[in-house]
Each structure stands twice: as structure tokens, then as C-alpha cells.
C-alpha atoms as a PDB file:
ATOM      1  CA  SER A   1      28.265 -44.748 210.915  1.00  0.00           C
ATOM      2  CA  GLN A   2      25.987 -46.658 208.506  1.00  0.00           C
ATOM      3  CA  VAL A   3      26.459 -49.998 210.277  1.00  0.00           C
ATOM      4  CA  ALA A   4      23.653 -50.232 212.840  1.00  0.00           C
ATOM      5  CA  LEU A   5      25.242 -53.118 214.738  1.00  0.00           C
ATOM      6  CA  ILE A   6      28.191 -50.951 215.738  1.00  0.00           C
ATOM      7  CA  GLU A   7      25.917 -48.865 217.965  1.00  0.00           C
ATOM      8  CA  VAL A   8      25.326 -51.815 220.315  1.00  0.00           C
ATOM      9  CA  LEU A   9      29.025 -52.637 220.722  1.00  0.00           C
ATOM     10  CA  PRO A  10      30.896 -51.667 223.910  1.00  0.00           C
ATOM     11  CA  GLU A  11      32.462 -48.207 223.720  1.00  0.00           C
ATOM     12  CA  SER A  12      35.955 -49.646 224.118  1.00  0.00           C
ATOM     13  CA  LEU A  13      35.464 -51.869 221.059  1.00  0.00           C
ATOM     14  CA  LYS A  14      33.994 -49.004 219.020  1.00  0.00           C
ATOM     15  CA  CYS A  15      37.047 -46.930 219.929  1.00  0.00           C
ATOM     16  CA  GLU A  16      39.357 -49.728 218.785  1.00  0.00           C
ATOM     17  CA  LEU A  17      37.428 -50.075 215.519  1.00  0.00           C
ATOM     18  CA  ARG A  18      37.692 -46.340 214.856  1.00  0.00           C
ATOM     19  CA  GLY A  19      41.422 -46.518 215.405  1.00  0.00           C
ATOM     20  CA  GLN A  20      41.939 -49.454 213.048  1.00  0.00           C
ATOM     21  CA  ALA A  21      39.642 -47.895 210.426  1.00  0.00           C
ATOM     22  CA  PHE A  22      41.202 -44.428 210.359  1.00  0.00           C
ATOM     23  CA  LEU A  23      44.867 -45.078 211.255  1.00  0.00           C
ATOM     24  CA  PRO A  24      45.958 -46.276 207.771  1.00  0.00           C
ATOM     25  CA  THR A  25      44.460 -43.135 206.229  1.00  0.00           C
ATOM     26  CA  ILE A  26      46.094 -40.569 208.515  1.00  0.00           C
ATOM     27  CA  SER A  27      49.426 -42.437 208.462  1.00  0.00           C
ATOM     28  CA  VAL A  28      50.077 -41.222 204.903  1.00  0.00           C
ATOM     29  CA  HIS A  29      50.958 -37.895 206.546  1.00  0.00           C
ATOM     30  CA  PRO A  30      54.699 -37.910 207.403  1.00  0.00           C
ATOM     31  CA  LEU A  31      54.107 -36.499 210.907  1.00  0.00           C
ATOM     32  CA  PHE A  32      51.877 -39.403 211.927  1.00  0.00           C
ATOM     33  CA  HIS A  33      54.170 -41.837 210.117  1.00  0.00           C
ATOM     34  CA  VAL A  34      57.166 -40.600 212.133  1.00  0.00           C
ATOM     35  CA  LEU A  35      55.179 -40.710 215.364  1.00  0.00           C
ATOM     36  CA  SER A  36      54.215 -44.315 214.661  1.00  0.00           C
ATOM     37  CA  SER A  37      57.895 -45.299 214.552  1.00  0.00           C
ATOM     38  CA  ILE A  38      58.463 -43.662 217.951  1.00  0.00           C
ATOM     39  CA  ASP A  39      55.287 -44.608 219.786  1.00  0.00           C
ATOM     40  CA  GLY A  40      52.502 -46.287 217.812  1.00  0.00           C
ATOM     41  CA  ASP A  41      49.944 -45.418 220.486  1.00  0.00           C
ATOM     42  CA  VAL A  42      50.093 -41.705 219.624  1.00  0.00           C
ATOM     43  CA  PRO A  43      48.786 -41.831 216.024  1.00  0.00           C
ATOM     44  CA  LEU A  44      46.411 -44.634 217.039  1.00  0.00           C
ATOM     45  CA  LYS A  45      44.839 -42.407 219.694  1.00  0.00           C
ATOM     46  CA  VAL A  46      44.628 -39.538 217.203  1.00  0.00           C
ATOM     47  CA  ALA A  47      42.658 -41.868 214.942  1.00  0.00           C
ATOM     48  CA  GLN A  48      40.445 -43.002 217.815  1.00  0.00           C
ATOM     49  CA  ARG A  49      39.759 -39.637 219.443  1.00  0.00           C
ATOM     50  CA  CYS A  50      40.058 -37.029 216.713  1.00  0.00           C
ATOM     51  CA  ALA A  51      39.033 -38.651 213.417  1.00  0.00           C
ATOM     52  CA  GLY A  52      35.658 -39.166 211.797  1.00  0.00           C
ATOM     53  CA  GLU A  53      34.303 -40.039 208.373  1.00  0.00           C
ATOM     54  CA  LYS A  54      32.341 -38.010 205.860  1.00  0.00           C
ATOM     55  CA  HIS A  55      30.778 -38.790 202.483  1.00  0.00           C
ATOM     56  CA  VAL A  56      30.365 -35.913 200.029  1.00  0.00           C
ATOM     57  CA  THR A  57      28.354 -36.274 196.842  1.00  0.00           C
ATOM     58  CA  THR A  58      29.447 -34.839 193.492  1.00  0.00           C
ATOM     59  CA  GLY A  59      29.450 -31.043 193.614  1.00  0.00           C
ATOM     60  CA  GLY A  60      28.963 -30.972 197.369  1.00  0.00           C
ATOM     61  CA  HIS A  61      31.063 -28.934 199.767  1.00  0.00           C
ATOM     62  CA  VAL A  62      33.154 -30.669 202.419  1.00  0.00           C
ATOM     63  CA  PHE A  63      32.215 -27.924 204.843  1.00  0.00           C
ATOM     64  CA  GLY A  64      28.671 -26.632 204.560  1.00  0.00           C
ATOM     65  CA  SER A  65      27.600 -23.024 204.114  1.00  0.00           C
ATOM     66  CA  GLY A  66      28.515 -21.097 207.242  1.00  0.00           C
ATOM     67  CA  GLU A  67      30.362 -24.102 208.687  1.00  0.00           C
ATOM     68  CA  VAL A  68      33.836 -23.341 210.016  1.00  0.00           C
ATOM     69  CA  SER A  69      36.632 -25.254 208.302  1.00  0.00           C
ATOM     70  CA  CYS A  70      37.936 -26.771 211.530  1.00  0.00           C
ATOM     71  CA  SER A  71      39.125 -30.212 210.397  1.00  0.00           C
ATOM     72  CA  MET A  72      42.052 -31.583 208.451  1.00  0.00           C
ATOM     73  CA  ILE A  73      40.948 -33.480 205.328  1.00  0.00           C
ATOM     74  CA  PHE A  74      42.197 -36.875 204.125  1.00  0.00           C
ATOM     75  CA  VAL A  75      40.810 -38.283 200.868  1.00  0.00           C
ATOM     76  CA  VAL A  76      40.012 -42.002 201.110  1.00  0.00           C
ATOM     77  CA  ALA A  77      38.222 -42.337 197.756  1.00  0.00           C
ATOM     78  CA  GLY A  78      37.133 -39.922 195.053  1.00  0.00           C
ATOM     79  CA  SER A  79      38.571 -36.437 194.607  1.00  0.00           C
ATOM     80  CA  VAL A  80      38.099 -32.972 196.055  1.00  0.00           C
ATOM     81  CA  CYS A  81      39.171 -29.698 194.447  1.00  0.00           C
ATOM     82  CA  TYR A  82      40.137 -26.365 195.958  1.00  0.00           C
ATOM     83  CA  THR A  83      40.270 -23.140 193.934  1.00  0.00           C
ATOM     84  CA  TYR A  84      41.996 -19.905 194.944  1.00  0.00           C
ATOM     85  CA  THR A  85      43.393 -16.805 193.240  1.00  0.00           C
ATOM     86  CA  LEU A  86      47.128 -16.146 193.114  1.00  0.00           C
ATOM     87  CA  HIS A  87      48.432 -13.005 191.416  1.00  0.00           C
ATOM     88  CA  LYS A  88      45.045 -12.515 189.730  1.00  0.00           C
ATOM     89  CA  THR A  89      45.192 -16.039 188.302  1.00  0.00           C
ATOM     90  CA  SER A  90      42.671 -18.705 189.261  1.00  0.00           C
ATOM     91  CA  MET A  91      44.405 -21.834 190.553  1.00  0.00           C
ATOM     92  CA  THR A  92      42.721 -25.195 191.180  1.00  0.00           C
ATOM     93  CA  GLU A  93      44.340 -28.030 193.102  1.00  0.00           C
ATOM     94  CA  THR A  94      42.818 -31.498 193.139  1.00  0.00           C
ATOM     95  CA  LEU A  95      43.117 -33.821 196.124  1.00  0.00           C
ATOM     96  CA  GLU A  96      42.864 -37.500 195.247  1.00  0.00           C
ATOM     97  CA  GLU A  97      43.127 -40.707 197.244  1.00  0.00           C
ATOM     98  CA  GLY A  98      46.026 -40.506 199.702  1.00  0.00           C
ATOM     99  CA  HIS A  99      46.167 -36.691 199.655  1.00  0.00           C
ATOM    100  CA  TRP A 100      45.416 -34.367 202.542  1.00  0.00           C
ATOM    101  CA  ALA A 101      44.697 -30.666 203.074  1.00  0.00           C
ATOM    102  CA  ASN A 102      43.874 -28.100 205.745  1.00  0.00           C
ATOM    103  CA  GLU A 103      46.626 -29.180 208.150  1.00  0.00           C
ATOM    104  CA  MET A 104      46.743 -25.638 209.535  1.00  0.00           C
ATOM    105  CA  VAL A 105      43.684 -26.343 211.711  1.00  0.00           C
ATOM    106  CA  LEU A 106      45.862 -28.597 213.888  1.00  0.00           C
ATOM    107  CA  TRP A 107      48.275 -25.809 214.778  1.00  0.00           C
ATOM    108  CA  LEU A 108      46.471 -22.473 214.380  1.00  0.00           C
ATOM    109  CA  ALA A 109      43.736 -21.218 216.665  1.00  0.00           C
ATOM    110  CA  GLU A 110      42.723 -18.593 214.084  1.00  0.00           C
ATOM    111  CA  ILE A 111      42.137 -19.893 210.563  1.00  0.00           C
ATOM    112  CA  PRO A 112      42.660 -17.634 207.506  1.00  0.00           C
ATOM    113  CA  PRO A 113      39.747 -17.218 205.085  1.00  0.00           C
ATOM    114  CA  LEU A 114      39.121 -20.228 202.874  1.00  0.00           C
ATOM    115  CA  HIS A 115      37.311 -21.100 199.679  1.00  0.00           C
ATOM    116  CA  PRO A 116      35.117 -24.227 199.559  1.00  0.00           C
ATOM    117  CA  PHE A 117      36.493 -27.733 199.130  1.00  0.00           C
ATOM    118  CA  VAL A 118      34.245 -29.232 196.422  1.00  0.00           C
ATOM    119  CA  ALA A 119      33.849 -32.929 195.595  1.00  0.00           C
ATOM    120  CA  GLU A 120      34.512 -33.587 191.902  1.00  0.00           C
ATOM    121  CA  VAL A 121      32.920 -37.040 192.259  1.00  0.00           C
ATOM    122  CA  ASP A 122      31.267 -38.876 195.148  1.00  0.00           C
ATOM    123  CA  SER A 123      34.037 -38.910 197.731  1.00  0.00           C
ATOM    124  CA  ASP A 124      34.813 -40.553 201.060  1.00  0.00           C
ATOM    125  CA  LEU A 125      36.884 -38.551 203.501  1.00  0.00           C
ATOM    126  CA  VAL A 126      38.421 -38.815 206.940  1.00  0.00           C
ATOM    127  CA  LEU A 127      38.327 -35.567 208.912  1.00  0.00           C
ATOM    128  CA  VAL A 128      40.640 -34.910 211.868  1.00  0.00           C
ATOM    129  CA  SER A 129      39.271 -32.290 214.240  1.00  0.00           C
ATOM    130  CA  GLY A 130      41.772 -29.541 215.019  1.00  0.00           C
ATOM    131  CA  ALA A 131      40.227 -28.821 218.416  1.00  0.00           C
ATOM    132  CA  GLU A 132      40.212 -32.494 219.441  1.00  0.00           C
ATOM    133  CA  PHE A 133      43.794 -32.935 218.209  1.00  0.00           C
ATOM    134  CA  ARG A 134      45.052 -29.998 220.296  1.00  0.00           C
ATOM    135  CA  LYS A 135      43.156 -31.316 223.317  1.00  0.00           C
ATOM    136  CA  PHE A 136      44.788 -34.724 222.936  1.00  0.00           C
ATOM    137  CA  ALA A 137      48.226 -33.266 222.134  1.00  0.00           C
ATOM    138  CA  ALA A 138      48.173 -31.391 225.447  1.00  0.00           C
ATOM    139  CA  THR A 139      48.178 -34.764 227.237  1.00  0.00           C
ATOM    140  CA  ILE A 140      51.280 -36.082 225.443  1.00  0.00           C
ATOM    141  CA  HIS A 141      54.502 -35.968 227.452  1.00  0.00           C
ATOM    142  CA  ASN A 142      57.290 -38.033 225.851  1.00  0.00           C
ATOM    143  CA  GLU A 143      56.839 -36.547 222.376  1.00  0.00           C
ATOM    144  CA  SER A 144      55.766 -33.035 223.386  1.00  0.00           C
ATOM    145  CA  LEU A 145      59.092 -31.368 222.550  1.00  0.00           C
ATOM    146  CA  GLY A 146      59.046 -32.831 219.041  1.00  0.00           C
ATOM    147  CA  LEU A 147      55.459 -31.711 218.481  1.00  0.00           C
ATOM    148  CA  VAL A 148      56.290 -28.160 219.544  1.00  0.00           C
ATOM    149  CA  LYS A 149      59.328 -28.087 217.245  1.00  0.00           C
ATOM    150  CA  TYR A 150      57.161 -29.319 214.379  1.00  0.00           C
ATOM    151  CA  ALA A 151      54.482 -26.721 215.166  1.00  0.00           C
ATOM    152  CA  GLU A 152      57.051 -23.912 215.253  1.00  0.00           C
ATOM    153  CA  ALA A 153      58.466 -24.965 211.887  1.00  0.00           C
ATOM    154  CA  PHE A 154      54.986 -25.322 210.400  1.00  0.00           C
ATOM    155  CA  VAL A 155      53.893 -21.850 211.543  1.00  0.00           C
ATOM    156  CA  LYS A 156      57.099 -20.264 210.218  1.00  0.00           C
ATOM    157  CA  ASP A 157      56.775 -21.909 206.788  1.00  0.00           C
ATOM    158  CA  PHE A 158      53.028 -21.282 206.696  1.00  0.00           C
ATOM    159  CA  ASP A 159      53.408 -17.556 207.393  1.00  0.00           C
ATOM    160  CA  GLU A 160      55.834 -17.236 204.498  1.00  0.00           C
ATOM    161  CA  LEU A 161      53.452 -19.039 202.136  1.00  0.00           C
ATOM    162  CA  VAL A 162      50.267 -17.113 202.931  1.00  0.00           C
ATOM    163  CA  THR A 163      51.805 -13.645 202.727  1.00  0.00           C
ATOM    164  CA  ALA A 164      50.928 -13.466 199.027  1.00  0.00           C
ATOM    165  CA  CYS A 165      47.692 -15.486 199.226  1.00  0.00           C
ATOM    166  CA  PRO A 166      46.040 -16.370 202.570  1.00  0.00           C
ATOM    167  CA  GLU A 167      43.545 -18.740 200.887  1.00  0.00           C
ATOM    168  CA  ARG A 168      46.429 -20.896 199.675  1.00  0.00           C
ATOM    169  CA  GLY A 169      47.161 -22.034 203.233  1.00  0.00           C
ATOM    170  CA  ALA A 170      44.497 -24.730 202.993  1.00  0.00           C
ATOM    171  CA  VAL A 171      46.618 -26.649 200.472  1.00  0.00           C
ATOM    172  CA  PHE A 172      49.954 -26.218 202.242  1.00  0.00           C
ATOM    173  CA  ASN A 173      50.688 -29.924 201.848  1.00  0.00           C
ATOM    174  CA  ASP A 174      53.895 -30.662 199.948  1.00  0.00           C
ATOM    175  CA  THR A 175      54.823 -34.192 201.064  1.00  0.00           C
ATOM    176  CA  LEU A 176      58.607 -33.780 200.857  1.00  0.00           C
ATOM    177  CA  CYS A 177      58.541 -30.534 202.849  1.00  0.00           C
ATOM    178  CA  VAL A 178      56.310 -32.093 205.510  1.00  0.00           C
ATOM    179  CA  LYS A 179      58.600 -35.126 205.770  1.00  0.00           C
ATOM    180  CA  GLU A 180      61.661 -32.911 206.162  1.00  0.00           C
ATOM    181  CA  ARG A 181      59.875 -30.860 208.835  1.00  0.00           C
ATOM    182  CA  ALA A 182      58.840 -33.983 210.757  1.00  0.00           C
ATOM    183  CA  ASP A 183      62.268 -35.635 210.509  1.00  0.00           C
ATOM    184  CA  LYS A 184      64.010 -32.531 211.861  1.00  0.00           C
ATOM    185  CA  ALA A 185      61.509 -32.029 214.682  1.00  0.00           C
ATOM    186  CA  PHE A 186      61.801 -35.629 215.871  1.00  0.00           C
ATOM    187  CA  ALA A 187      65.484 -36.249 215.036  1.00  0.00           C
ATOM    188  CA  VAL A 188      66.426 -36.905 218.673  1.00  0.00           C
ATOM    189  CA  TYR A 189      63.568 -39.371 219.093  1.00  0.00           C
ATOM    190  CA  LEU A 190      64.333 -41.203 215.852  1.00  0.00           C
ATOM    191  CA  ASN A 191      68.008 -41.506 216.752  1.00  0.00           C
ATOM    192  CA  ALA A 192      67.048 -42.939 220.134  1.00  0.00           C
ATOM    193  CA  VAL A 193      64.818 -45.515 218.429  1.00  0.00           C
ATOM    194  CA  ARG A 194      67.604 -46.565 216.054  1.00  0.00           C
ATOM    195  CA  GLN A 195      70.226 -46.763 218.801  1.00  0.00           C
ATOM    196  CA  SER A 196      68.049 -48.735 221.199  1.00  0.00           C
ATOM    197  CA  PHE A 197      66.171 -51.115 218.939  1.00  0.00           C
ATOM    198  CA  GLY A 198      67.293 -50.803 215.348  1.00  0.00           C
ATOM    199  CA  HIS A 199      65.158 -49.532 212.479  1.00  0.00           C
ATOM    200  CA  GLY A 200      61.635 -50.958 212.397  1.00  0.00           C
ATOM    201  CA  SER A 201      61.878 -53.017 215.588  1.00  0.00           C
ATOM    202  CA  PHE A 202      58.732 -53.778 217.562  1.00  0.00           C
ATOM    203  CA  MET A 203      58.656 -51.962 220.894  1.00  0.00           C
ATOM    204  CA  SER A 204      57.226 -53.609 223.989  1.00  0.00           C
ATOM    205  CA  LYS A 205      56.014 -51.511 226.929  1.00  0.00           C
ATOM    206  CA  GLN A 206      59.256 -52.231 228.749  1.00  0.00           C
ATOM    207  CA  SER A 207      61.399 -51.251 225.768  1.00  0.00           C
ATOM    208  CA  HIS A 208      59.315 -48.106 225.290  1.00  0.00           C
ATOM    209  CA  ARG A 209      60.142 -47.105 228.868  1.00  0.00           C
ATOM    210  CA  ARG A 210      63.835 -47.589 228.073  1.00  0.00           C
ATOM    211  CA  LEU A 211      63.376 -45.436 224.978  1.00  0.00           C
ATOM    212  CA  SER A 212      61.732 -42.711 227.069  1.00  0.00           C
ATOM    213  CA  ASP A 213      64.700 -42.774 229.450  1.00  0.00           C
ATOM    214  CA  ARG A 214      67.148 -42.516 226.540  1.00  0.00           C
ATOM    215  CA  ILE A 215      65.245 -39.580 225.032  1.00  0.00           C
ATOM    216  CA  SER A 216      65.259 -37.800 228.401  1.00  0.00           C
ATOM    217  CA  GLU A 217      69.013 -38.304 228.695  1.00  0.00           C
ATOM    218  CA  THR A 218      69.618 -37.055 225.168  1.00  0.00           C
ATOM    219  CA  SER A 219      67.320 -34.059 224.954  1.00  0.00           C
ATOM    220  CA  GLY A 220      66.526 -33.216 228.562  1.00  0.00           C
ATOM    221  CA  ASN A 221      63.021 -32.914 229.908  1.00  0.00           C
ATOM    222  CA  ALA A 222      60.866 -30.478 227.963  1.00  0.00           C
ATOM    223  CA  SER A 223      60.332 -27.255 229.879  1.00  0.00           C
ATOM    224  CA  GLU A 224      56.895 -25.793 230.470  1.00  0.00           C
ATOM    225  CA  GLU A 225      57.528 -23.433 227.553  1.00  0.00           C
ATOM    226  CA  SER A 226      58.176 -26.448 225.339  1.00  0.00           C
ATOM    227  CA  ARG A 227      54.956 -28.259 226.186  1.00  0.00           C
ATOM    228  CA  ILE A 228      52.357 -28.640 223.486  1.00  0.00           C
ATOM    229  CA  SER A 229      50.300 -25.944 225.210  1.00  0.00           C
ATOM    230  CA  SER A 230      53.014 -23.476 224.183  1.00  0.00           C
ATOM    231  CA  PRO A 231      51.758 -20.165 222.762  1.00  0.00           C
ATOM    232  CA  VAL A 232      53.292 -21.216 219.423  1.00  0.00           C
ATOM    233  CA  LEU A 233      50.032 -23.098 218.853  1.00  0.00           C
ATOM    234  CA  ARG A 234      48.354 -19.787 218.517  1.00  0.00           C
END
């Protein structure tokens, strides 16, 4: 946003630049990492359409006073802390480079109360808009069943976590748990990738169509209830 020349570039090129700039950051999240192994266009389009950058100076809040916490946070540089109270004890969690928080905004229409995210030092962040992500997710077809399964698992685990402390939901971000959730949700897709192309193979458009056919044969077409617009994304 600070490079004036970018404003005169064609919109298509600006979109491509956004994707290449933000994709490496969001790909640290296991969900987007798994999606990239199935169809690299999906996380790329998330980066292009849903992500933006933000710089927060030392002591500043990621979300301003009165501003709704409606974006997922990825730390590119610096560190951000989040403090909440659990069983009458003050707890502070620090997010450093490569960490994320506030994933719940991608899956929940109603966000629990939050405390401020505060920059411990000057920090650069990538924010993924929950509203824009849900809008884009509603257009996905091949991976929609996996996304709904992931969302269902996230909501179930999230509800269990926030029973004792709703404010803790903002830092519901254990990497191993997220990876396990993503692997289970997309198991059929990942198996189809391995069977058709082998682990890590590059997928052409033609081979991606073959993969889509294999997934359809294996899992069946997702029903309307299984689309990403399912009420599970409440």
C-alpha cells in the first residue's frame, strides 16, 4: 500500500501481486497448506481476495477502539500479545512471526467478546477478512465438502474450549490440532491426490479435472446441506 507505482498497474496484475505477497504467510496455517496440495488456486485466491496488510506500532491495537474483530491475524514480523483471564488468573499469549490468531472469524457469524491484540513492538501483519473468506468459500465446489467437515470440527472443538473462557477463543490456534483437523476433513481429497499423481506432484488443469472426477467417485457429490453455505457456518 506504500508503493505508489502499484496504483497505476492493471487490476489483474495487482491481484496477482497480492496473491504472491500474502500466500506464503497464510500457508503456514495447516488448512491452507492442505488446500494447496489439493488445488493451489484455492489458497491463492484467498490471498488475492481476502487478505490485506496492516502495520501496528508498539503499544498499538490491531483492531481500533470500537472496531469489530472481523479478521484472522497472521504475524509477518514483530510480535502481538493477547491477554485474557482464566479461572481468575491473567494469561498472556504472545504471537510471533509465523503465528496466527482469531481463526474463529472465518467460521462463526457471531464472534464472542474479545480483549485487544496489542503490538509488543512495531509489527507487520496480514489480515484475512472473515466476511470475504465466507463469500469466496461459497463459490468453491470441488473442496466444499472438506471445508464443511473442517468447519464442523472447528465449531465443535471451539465450543468446548470457550465454555470456561469465551475470550480465549481468539487464540484457539494449536498447530498440531489444526493439522489433525485439516487432515481428517480432507482425507478423501488427499488420498485421491496421492493415488492419481503421487505426493507433491505438479497438477496441470487436465490432471486436476481427473482428480475432481476421482474425488466425485470416492466421496459422491456434496449435497446442498454439505455446501459451504451450510448452517454450520453460523
